[in-house]
């Protein structure tokens, strides 16, 4: 198949089938968006673990109460 090896995103067959270009851009960007979400979730979980470990003085320096920190730390990683 000519052009197949030179297509870095592997969308040659989809283009041949008449799939719209906008759909192809969204489809090829999907792995990057998934990776972005995974990295955000991992960072959020680590930050919440760290927040839960802070002492009251550090929380006060940040302008947070223990209750506010506990509410934030108990949120699941997927929730902003």
PDB file of N, CA and C in Angstrom:
ATOM      1  N   UNK A   1       0.830  -1.178   0.000  1.00  0.00           N
ATOM      2  CA  UNK A   1       0.000   0.000   0.000  1.00  0.00           C
ATOM      3  C   UNK A   1       0.875   1.242   0.000  1.00  0.00           C
ATOM      4  N   UNK A   2       0.846   2.012  -1.035  1.00  0.00           N
ATOM      5  CA  UNK A   2       1.652   3.218  -1.051  1.00  0.00           C
ATOM      6  C   UNK A   2       1.124   4.222  -0.032  1.00  0.00           C
ATOM      7  N   UNK A   3       2.044   4.879   0.653  1.00  0.00           N
ATOM      8  CA  UNK A   3       1.663   5.910   1.613  1.00  0.00           C
ATOM      9  C   UNK A   3       1.409   5.387   3.013  1.00  0.00           C
ATOM     10  N   UNK A   4       1.234   4.101   3.151  1.00  0.00           N
ATOM     11  CA  UNK A   4       0.922   3.538   4.458  1.00  0.00           C
ATOM     12  C   UNK A   4       2.098   3.669   5.413  1.00  0.00           C
ATOM     13  N   UNK A   5       3.305   3.371   4.937  1.00  0.00           N
ATOM     14  CA  UNK A   5       4.477   3.421   5.808  1.00  0.00           C
ATOM     15  C   UNK A   5       4.861   4.856   6.149  1.00  0.00           C
ATOM     16  N   UNK A   6       4.510   5.817   5.279  1.00  0.00           N
ATOM     17  CA  UNK A   6       4.910   7.195   5.538  1.00  0.00           C
ATOM     18  C   UNK A   6       3.898   7.942   6.412  1.00  0.00           C
ATOM     19  N   UNK A   7       2.772   7.337   6.706  1.00  0.00           N
ATOM     20  CA  UNK A   7       1.754   7.981   7.532  1.00  0.00           C
ATOM     21  C   UNK A   7       2.084   7.721   9.000  1.00  0.00           C
ATOM     22  N   UNK A   8       2.611   8.729   9.729  1.00  0.00           N
ATOM     23  CA  UNK A   8       3.075   8.493  11.102  1.00  0.00           C
ATOM     24  C   UNK A   8       1.964   8.138  12.072  1.00  0.00           C
ATOM     25  N   UNK A   9       0.733   8.498  11.771  1.00  0.00           N
ATOM     26  CA  UNK A   9      -0.352   8.202  12.708  1.00  0.00           C
ATOM     27  C   UNK A   9      -1.117   6.941  12.338  1.00  0.00           C
ATOM     28  N   UNK A  10      -0.727   6.307  11.257  1.00  0.00           N
ATOM     29  CA  UNK A  10      -1.391   5.064  10.870  1.00  0.00           C
ATOM     30  C   UNK A  10      -2.843   5.248  10.461  1.00  0.00           C
ATOM     31  N   UNK A  11      -3.168   6.382   9.869  1.00  0.00           N
ATOM     32  CA  UNK A  11      -4.557   6.662   9.502  1.00  0.00           C
ATOM     33  C   UNK A  11      -4.825   6.436   8.021  1.00  0.00           C
ATOM     34  N   UNK A  12      -3.904   5.820   7.321  1.00  0.00           N
ATOM     35  CA  UNK A  12      -4.034   5.627   5.881  1.00  0.00           C
ATOM     36  C   UNK A  12      -5.319   4.900   5.514  1.00  0.00           C
ATOM     37  N   UNK A  13      -5.590   3.781   6.184  1.00  0.00           N
ATOM     38  CA  UNK A  13      -6.782   3.000   5.841  1.00  0.00           C
ATOM     39  C   UNK A  13      -8.061   3.766   6.140  1.00  0.00           C
ATOM     40  N   UNK A  14      -8.055   4.516   7.221  1.00  0.00           N
ATOM     41  CA  UNK A  14      -9.241   5.298   7.549  1.00  0.00           C
ATOM     42  C   UNK A  14      -9.483   6.393   6.519  1.00  0.00           C
ATOM     43  N   UNK A  15      -8.403   7.015   6.047  1.00  0.00           N
ATOM     44  CA  UNK A  15      -8.570   8.045   5.022  1.00  0.00           C
ATOM     45  C   UNK A  15      -9.076   7.426   3.730  1.00  0.00           C
ATOM     46  N   UNK A  16      -8.613   6.241   3.412  1.00  0.00           N
ATOM     47  CA  UNK A  16      -9.063   5.575   2.196  1.00  0.00           C
ATOM     48  C   UNK A  16     -10.548   5.216   2.286  1.00  0.00           C
ATOM     49  N   UNK A  17     -11.034   4.974   3.490  1.00  0.00           N
ATOM     50  CA  UNK A  17     -12.441   4.613   3.677  1.00  0.00           C
ATOM     51  C   UNK A  17     -13.351   5.836   3.699  1.00  0.00           C
ATOM     52  N   UNK A  18     -12.788   7.034   3.563  1.00  0.00           N
ATOM     53  CA  UNK A  18     -13.591   8.243   3.514  1.00  0.00           C
ATOM     54  C   UNK A  18     -13.978   8.786   4.880  1.00  0.00           C
ATOM     55  N   UNK A  19     -13.234   8.460   5.894  1.00  0.00           N
ATOM     56  CA  UNK A  19     -13.516   8.971   7.233  1.00  0.00           C
ATOM     57  C   UNK A  19     -13.139  10.452   7.272  1.00  0.00           C
ATOM     58  N   UNK A  20     -14.004  11.324   7.821  1.00  0.00           N
ATOM     59  CA  UNK A  20     -13.719  12.764   7.850  1.00  0.00           C
ATOM     60  C   UNK A  20     -12.440  13.094   8.624  1.00  0.00           C
ATOM     61  N   UNK A  21     -11.735  14.128   8.173  1.00  0.00           N
ATOM     62  CA  UNK A  21     -10.445  14.510   8.765  1.00  0.00           C
ATOM     63  C   UNK A  21     -10.597  14.904  10.235  1.00  0.00           C
ATOM     64  N   UNK A  22     -11.676  15.586  10.605  1.00  0.00           N
ATOM     65  CA  UNK A  22     -11.874  15.986  12.002  1.00  0.00           C
ATOM     66  C   UNK A  22     -11.945  14.785  12.921  1.00  0.00           C
ATOM     67  N   UNK A  23     -12.610  13.753  12.454  1.00  0.00           N
ATOM     68  CA  UNK A  23     -12.694  12.520  13.235  1.00  0.00           C
ATOM     69  C   UNK A  23     -11.316  11.903  13.400  1.00  0.00           C
ATOM     70  N   UNK A  24     -10.520  11.941  12.333  1.00  0.00           N
ATOM     71  CA  UNK A  24      -9.168  11.380  12.404  1.00  0.00           C
ATOM     72  C   UNK A  24      -8.312  12.126  13.414  1.00  0.00           C
ATOM     73  N   UNK A  25      -8.424  13.457  13.440  1.00  0.00           N
ATOM     74  CA  UNK A  25      -7.643  14.236  14.410  1.00  0.00           C
ATOM     75  C   UNK A  25      -8.051  13.880  15.833  1.00  0.00           C
ATOM     76  N   UNK A  26      -9.349  13.734  16.086  1.00  0.00           N
ATOM     77  CA  UNK A  26      -9.807  13.369  17.425  1.00  0.00           C
ATOM     78  C   UNK A  26      -9.356  11.955  17.775  1.00  0.00           C
ATOM     79  N   UNK A  27      -9.417  11.045  16.823  1.00  0.00           N
ATOM     80  CA  UNK A  27      -9.044   9.661  17.067  1.00  0.00           C
ATOM     81  C   UNK A  27      -7.554   9.537  17.370  1.00  0.00           C
ATOM     82  N   UNK A  28      -6.723  10.221  16.603  1.00  0.00           N
ATOM     83  CA  UNK A  28      -5.284  10.104  16.811  1.00  0.00           C
ATOM     84  C   UNK A  28      -4.836  10.852  18.055  1.00  0.00           C
ATOM     85  N   UNK A  29      -5.621  11.821  18.535  1.00  0.00           N
ATOM     86  CA  UNK A  29      -5.280  12.538  19.749  1.00  0.00           C
ATOM     87  C   UNK A  29      -5.732  11.820  21.010  1.00  0.00           C
ATOM     88  N   UNK A  30      -6.518  10.766  20.846  1.00  0.00           N
ATOM     89  CA  UNK A  30      -7.071  10.052  21.994  1.00  0.00           C
ATOM     90  C   UNK A  30      -5.999   9.488  22.926  1.00  0.00           C
ATOM     91  N   UNK A  31      -4.974   8.815  22.436  1.00  0.00           N
ATOM     92  CA  UNK A  31      -3.950   8.302  23.362  1.00  0.00           C
ATOM     93  C   UNK A  31      -3.282   9.408  24.174  1.00  0.00           C
ATOM     94  N   UNK A  32      -3.044  10.550  23.563  1.00  0.00           N
ATOM     95  CA  UNK A  32      -2.425  11.664  24.285  1.00  0.00           C
ATOM     96  C   UNK A  32      -3.357  12.189  25.367  1.00  0.00           C
ATOM     97  N   UNK A  33      -4.647  12.289  25.055  1.00  0.00           N
ATOM     98  CA  UNK A  33      -5.610  12.760  26.060  1.00  0.00           C
ATOM     99  C   UNK A  33      -5.736  11.774  27.207  1.00  0.00           C
ATOM    100  N   UNK A  34      -5.712  10.500  26.904  1.00  0.00           N
ATOM    101  CA  UNK A  34      -5.775   9.479  27.963  1.00  0.00           C
ATOM    102  C   UNK A  34      -4.547   9.590  28.855  1.00  0.00           C
ATOM    103  N   UNK A  35      -3.375   9.727  28.260  1.00  0.00           N
ATOM    104  CA  UNK A  35      -2.143   9.849  29.035  1.00  0.00           C
ATOM    105  C   UNK A  35      -2.179  11.113  29.894  1.00  0.00           C
ATOM    106  N   UNK A  36      -2.670  12.215  29.335  1.00  0.00           N
ATOM    107  CA  UNK A  36      -2.780  13.454  30.115  1.00  0.00           C
ATOM    108  C   UNK A  36      -3.661  13.245  31.347  1.00  0.00           C
ATOM    109  N   UNK A  37      -4.804  12.598  31.154  1.00  0.00           N
ATOM    110  CA  UNK A  37      -5.705  12.356  32.282  1.00  0.00           C
ATOM    111  C   UNK A  37      -5.054  11.456  33.340  1.00  0.00           C
ATOM    112  N   UNK A  38      -4.371  10.431  32.903  1.00  0.00           N
ATOM    113  CA  UNK A  38      -3.702   9.546  33.860  1.00  0.00           C
ATOM    114  C   UNK A  38      -2.654  10.293  34.674  1.00  0.00           C
ATOM    115  N   UNK A  39      -1.888  11.148  34.011  1.00  0.00           N
ATOM    116  CA  UNK A  39      -0.859  11.910  34.715  1.00  0.00           C
ATOM    117  C   UNK A  39      -1.475  12.921  35.685  1.00  0.00           C
ATOM    118  N   UNK A  40      -2.554  13.567  35.268  1.00  0.00           N
ATOM    119  CA  UNK A  40      -3.253  14.510  36.152  1.00  0.00           C
ATOM    120  C   UNK A  40      -3.790  13.777  37.367  1.00  0.00           C
ATOM    121  N   UNK A  41      -4.405  12.628  37.150  1.00  0.00           N
ATOM    122  CA  UNK A  41      -4.959  11.851  38.263  1.00  0.00           C
ATOM    123  C   UNK A  41      -3.859  11.409  39.222  1.00  0.00           C
ATOM    124  N   UNK A  42      -2.727  10.997  38.684  1.00  0.00           N
ATOM    125  CA  UNK A  42      -1.614  10.558  39.531  1.00  0.00           C
ATOM    126  C   UNK A  42      -1.091  11.726  40.370  1.00  0.00           C
ATOM    127  N   UNK A  43      -0.940  12.874  39.745  1.00  0.00           N
ATOM    128  CA  UNK A  43      -0.459  14.051  40.468  1.00  0.00           C
ATOM    129  C   UNK A  43      -1.466  14.477  41.535  1.00  0.00           C
ATOM    130  N   UNK A  44      -2.743  14.463  41.198  1.00  0.00           N
ATOM    131  CA  UNK A  44      -3.792  14.848  42.142  1.00  0.00           C
ATOM    132  C   UNK A  44      -3.806  13.920  43.360  1.00  0.00           C
ATOM    133  N   UNK A  45      -3.665  12.632  43.128  1.00  0.00           N
ATOM    134  CA  UNK A  45      -3.648  11.671  44.235  1.00  0.00           C
ATOM    135  C   UNK A  45      -2.449  11.918  45.140  1.00  0.00           C
ATOM    136  N   UNK A  46      -1.280  12.166  44.558  1.00  0.00           N
ATOM    137  CA  UNK A  46      -0.075  12.421  45.353  1.00  0.00           C
ATOM    138  C   UNK A  46      -0.219  13.710  46.162  1.00  0.00           C
ATOM    139  N   UNK A  47      -0.801  14.745  45.554  1.00  0.00           N
ATOM    140  CA  UNK A  47      -0.988  16.011  46.265  1.00  0.00           C
ATOM    141  C   UNK A  47      -1.945  15.850  47.439  1.00  0.00           C
ATOM    142  N   UNK A  48      -2.975  15.054  47.267  1.00  0.00           N
ATOM    143  CA  UNK A  48      -3.935  14.849  48.349  1.00  0.00           C
ATOM    144  C   UNK A  48      -3.341  14.035  49.485  1.00  0.00           C
ATOM    145  N   UNK A  49      -2.506  13.080  49.155  1.00  0.00           N
ATOM    146  CA  UNK A  49      -1.806  12.325  50.199  1.00  0.00           C
ATOM    147  C   UNK A  49      -0.894  13.266  50.978  1.00  0.00           C
ATOM    148  N   UNK A  50      -0.189  14.118  50.266  1.00  0.00           N
ATOM    149  CA  UNK A  50       0.703  15.073  50.917  1.00  0.00           C
ATOM    150  C   UNK A  50      -0.091  16.056  51.776  1.00  0.00           C
ATOM    151  N   UNK A  51      -1.198  16.555  51.262  1.00  0.00           N
ATOM    152  CA  UNK A  51      -2.041  17.485  52.021  1.00  0.00           C
ATOM    153  C   UNK A  51      -2.511  16.851  53.323  1.00  0.00           C
ATOM    154  N   UNK A  52      -2.900  15.602  53.267  1.00  0.00           N
ATOM    155  CA  UNK A  52      -3.374  14.908  54.471  1.00  0.00           C
ATOM    156  C   UNK A  52      -2.265  14.748  55.507  1.00  0.00           C
ATOM    157  N   UNK A  53      -1.014  14.758  55.078  1.00  0.00           N
ATOM    158  CA  UNK A  53       0.097  14.545  56.007  1.00  0.00           C
ATOM    159  C   UNK A  53       0.602  15.841  56.645  1.00  0.00           C
ATOM    160  N   UNK A  54       0.135  16.988  56.192  1.00  0.00           N
ATOM    161  CA  UNK A  54       0.622  18.260  56.729  1.00  0.00           C
ATOM    162  C   UNK A  54       0.112  18.499  58.142  1.00  0.00           C
ATOM    163  N   UNK A  55       0.956  19.143  58.961  1.00  0.00           N
ATOM    164  CA  UNK A  55       0.523  19.474  60.316  1.00  0.00           C
ATOM    165  C   UNK A  55      -0.339  20.745  60.299  1.00  0.00           C
ATOM    166  N   UNK A  56      -0.960  21.027  61.439  1.00  0.00           N
ATOM    167  CA  UNK A  56      -1.895  22.146  61.521  1.00  0.00           C
ATOM    168  C   UNK A  56      -1.224  23.490  61.240  1.00  0.00           C
ATOM    169  N   UNK A  57       0.025  23.657  61.648  1.00  0.00           N
ATOM    170  CA  UNK A  57       0.723  24.923  61.407  1.00  0.00           C
ATOM    171  C   UNK A  57       0.933  25.158  59.914  1.00  0.00           C
ATOM    172  N   UNK A  58       1.335  24.128  59.206  1.00  0.00           N
ATOM    173  CA  UNK A  58       1.526  24.276  57.749  1.00  0.00           C
ATOM    174  C   UNK A  58       0.199  24.575  57.055  1.00  0.00           C
ATOM    175  N   UNK A  59      -0.862  23.907  57.495  1.00  0.00           N
ATOM    176  CA  UNK A  59      -2.178  24.188  56.916  1.00  0.00           C
ATOM    177  C   UNK A  59      -2.581  25.634  57.191  1.00  0.00           C
ATOM    178  N   UNK A  60      -2.313  26.107  58.404  1.00  0.00           N
ATOM    179  CA  UNK A  60      -2.630  27.489  58.758  1.00  0.00           C
ATOM    180  C   UNK A  60      -1.854  28.453  57.865  1.00  0.00           C
ATOM    181  N   UNK A  61      -0.585  28.140  57.600  1.00  0.00           N
ATOM    182  CA  UNK A  61       0.232  28.972  56.708  1.00  0.00           C
ATOM    183  C   UNK A  61      -0.369  29.045  55.304  1.00  0.00           C
ATOM    184  N   UNK A  62      -1.023  27.980  54.912  1.00  0.00           N
ATOM    185  CA  UNK A  62      -1.657  27.926  53.585  1.00  0.00           C
ATOM    186  C   UNK A  62      -3.061  28.526  53.596  1.00  0.00           C
ATOM    187  N   UNK A  63      -3.559  28.857  54.785  1.00  0.00           N
ATOM    188  CA  UNK A  63      -4.896  29.423  54.892  1.00  0.00           C
ATOM    189  C   UNK A  63      -5.988  28.370  54.907  1.00  0.00           C
ATOM    190  N   UNK A  64      -5.643  27.164  55.325  1.00  0.00           N
ATOM    191  CA  UNK A  64      -6.612  26.067  55.369  1.00  0.00           C
ATOM    192  C   UNK A  64      -6.804  25.583  56.799  1.00  0.00           C
ATOM    193  N   UNK A  65      -7.999  25.118  57.091  1.00  0.00           N
ATOM    194  CA  UNK A  65      -8.246  24.466  58.365  1.00  0.00           C
ATOM    195  C   UNK A  65      -8.046  22.964  58.177  1.00  0.00           C
ATOM    196  N   UNK A  66      -7.941  22.236  59.278  1.00  0.00           N
ATOM    197  CA  UNK A  66      -7.807  20.783  59.207  1.00  0.00           C
ATOM    198  C   UNK A  66      -9.037  20.184  58.526  1.00  0.00           C
ATOM    199  N   UNK A  67     -10.218  20.725  58.830  1.00  0.00           N
ATOM    200  CA  UNK A  67     -11.454  20.208  58.225  1.00  0.00           C
ATOM    201  C   UNK A  67     -11.451  20.397  56.707  1.00  0.00           C
ATOM    202  N   UNK A  68     -11.019  21.562  56.247  1.00  0.00           N
ATOM    203  CA  UNK A  68     -10.947  21.804  54.805  1.00  0.00           C
ATOM    204  C   UNK A  68      -9.951  20.860  54.138  1.00  0.00           C
ATOM    205  N   UNK A  69      -8.818  20.669  54.782  1.00  0.00           N
ATOM    206  CA  UNK A  69      -7.797  19.774  54.227  1.00  0.00           C
ATOM    207  C   UNK A  69      -8.316  18.341  54.181  1.00  0.00           C
ATOM    208  N   UNK A  70      -9.030  17.925  55.218  1.00  0.00           N
ATOM    209  CA  UNK A  70      -9.576  16.564  55.243  1.00  0.00           C
ATOM    210  C   UNK A  70     -10.602  16.345  54.140  1.00  0.00           C
ATOM    211  N   UNK A  71     -11.453  17.340  53.910  1.00  0.00           N
ATOM    212  CA  UNK A  71     -12.445  17.226  52.829  1.00  0.00           C
ATOM    213  C   UNK A  71     -11.738  17.059  51.489  1.00  0.00           C
ATOM    214  N   UNK A  72     -10.734  17.884  51.241  1.00  0.00           N
ATOM    215  CA  UNK A  72      -9.991  17.801  49.973  1.00  0.00           C
ATOM    216  C   UNK A  72      -9.230  16.484  49.852  1.00  0.00           C
ATOM    217  N   UNK A  73      -8.615  16.049  50.929  1.00  0.00           N
ATOM    218  CA  UNK A  73      -7.807  14.829  50.896  1.00  0.00           C
ATOM    219  C   UNK A  73      -8.658  13.578  50.692  1.00  0.00           C
ATOM    220  N   UNK A  74      -9.911  13.629  51.092  1.00  0.00           N
ATOM    221  CA  UNK A  74     -10.784  12.453  50.944  1.00  0.00           C
ATOM    222  C   UNK A  74     -11.434  12.347  49.567  1.00  0.00           C
ATOM    223  N   UNK A  75     -11.313  13.383  48.744  1.00  0.00           N
ATOM    224  CA  UNK A  75     -11.893  13.337  47.404  1.00  0.00           C
ATOM    225  C   UNK A  75     -11.195  12.248  46.578  1.00  0.00           C
ATOM    226  N   UNK A  76     -11.945  11.568  45.735  1.00  0.00           N
ATOM    227  CA  UNK A  76     -11.293  10.605  44.831  1.00  0.00           C
ATOM    228  C   UNK A  76     -10.410  11.338  43.811  1.00  0.00           C
ATOM    229  N   UNK A  77      -9.392  10.671  43.330  1.00  0.00           N
ATOM    230  CA  UNK A  77      -8.423  11.300  42.428  1.00  0.00           C
ATOM    231  C   UNK A  77      -9.045  11.829  41.145  1.00  0.00           C
ATOM    232  N   UNK A  78     -10.141  11.271  40.710  1.00  0.00           N
ATOM    233  CA  UNK A  78     -10.731  11.700  39.439  1.00  0.00           C
ATOM    234  C   UNK A  78     -11.591  12.959  39.598  1.00  0.00           C
ATOM    235  N   UNK A  79     -11.851  13.375  40.824  1.00  0.00           N
ATOM    236  CA  UNK A  79     -12.674  14.563  41.053  1.00  0.00           C
ATOM    237  C   UNK A  79     -11.788  15.765  41.311  1.00  0.00           C
ATOM    238  N   UNK A  80     -12.048  16.855  40.583  1.00  0.00           N
ATOM    239  CA  UNK A  80     -11.258  18.081  40.748  1.00  0.00           C
ATOM    240  C   UNK A  80     -11.609  18.805  42.022  1.00  0.00           C
TER     241      UNK A  80
END
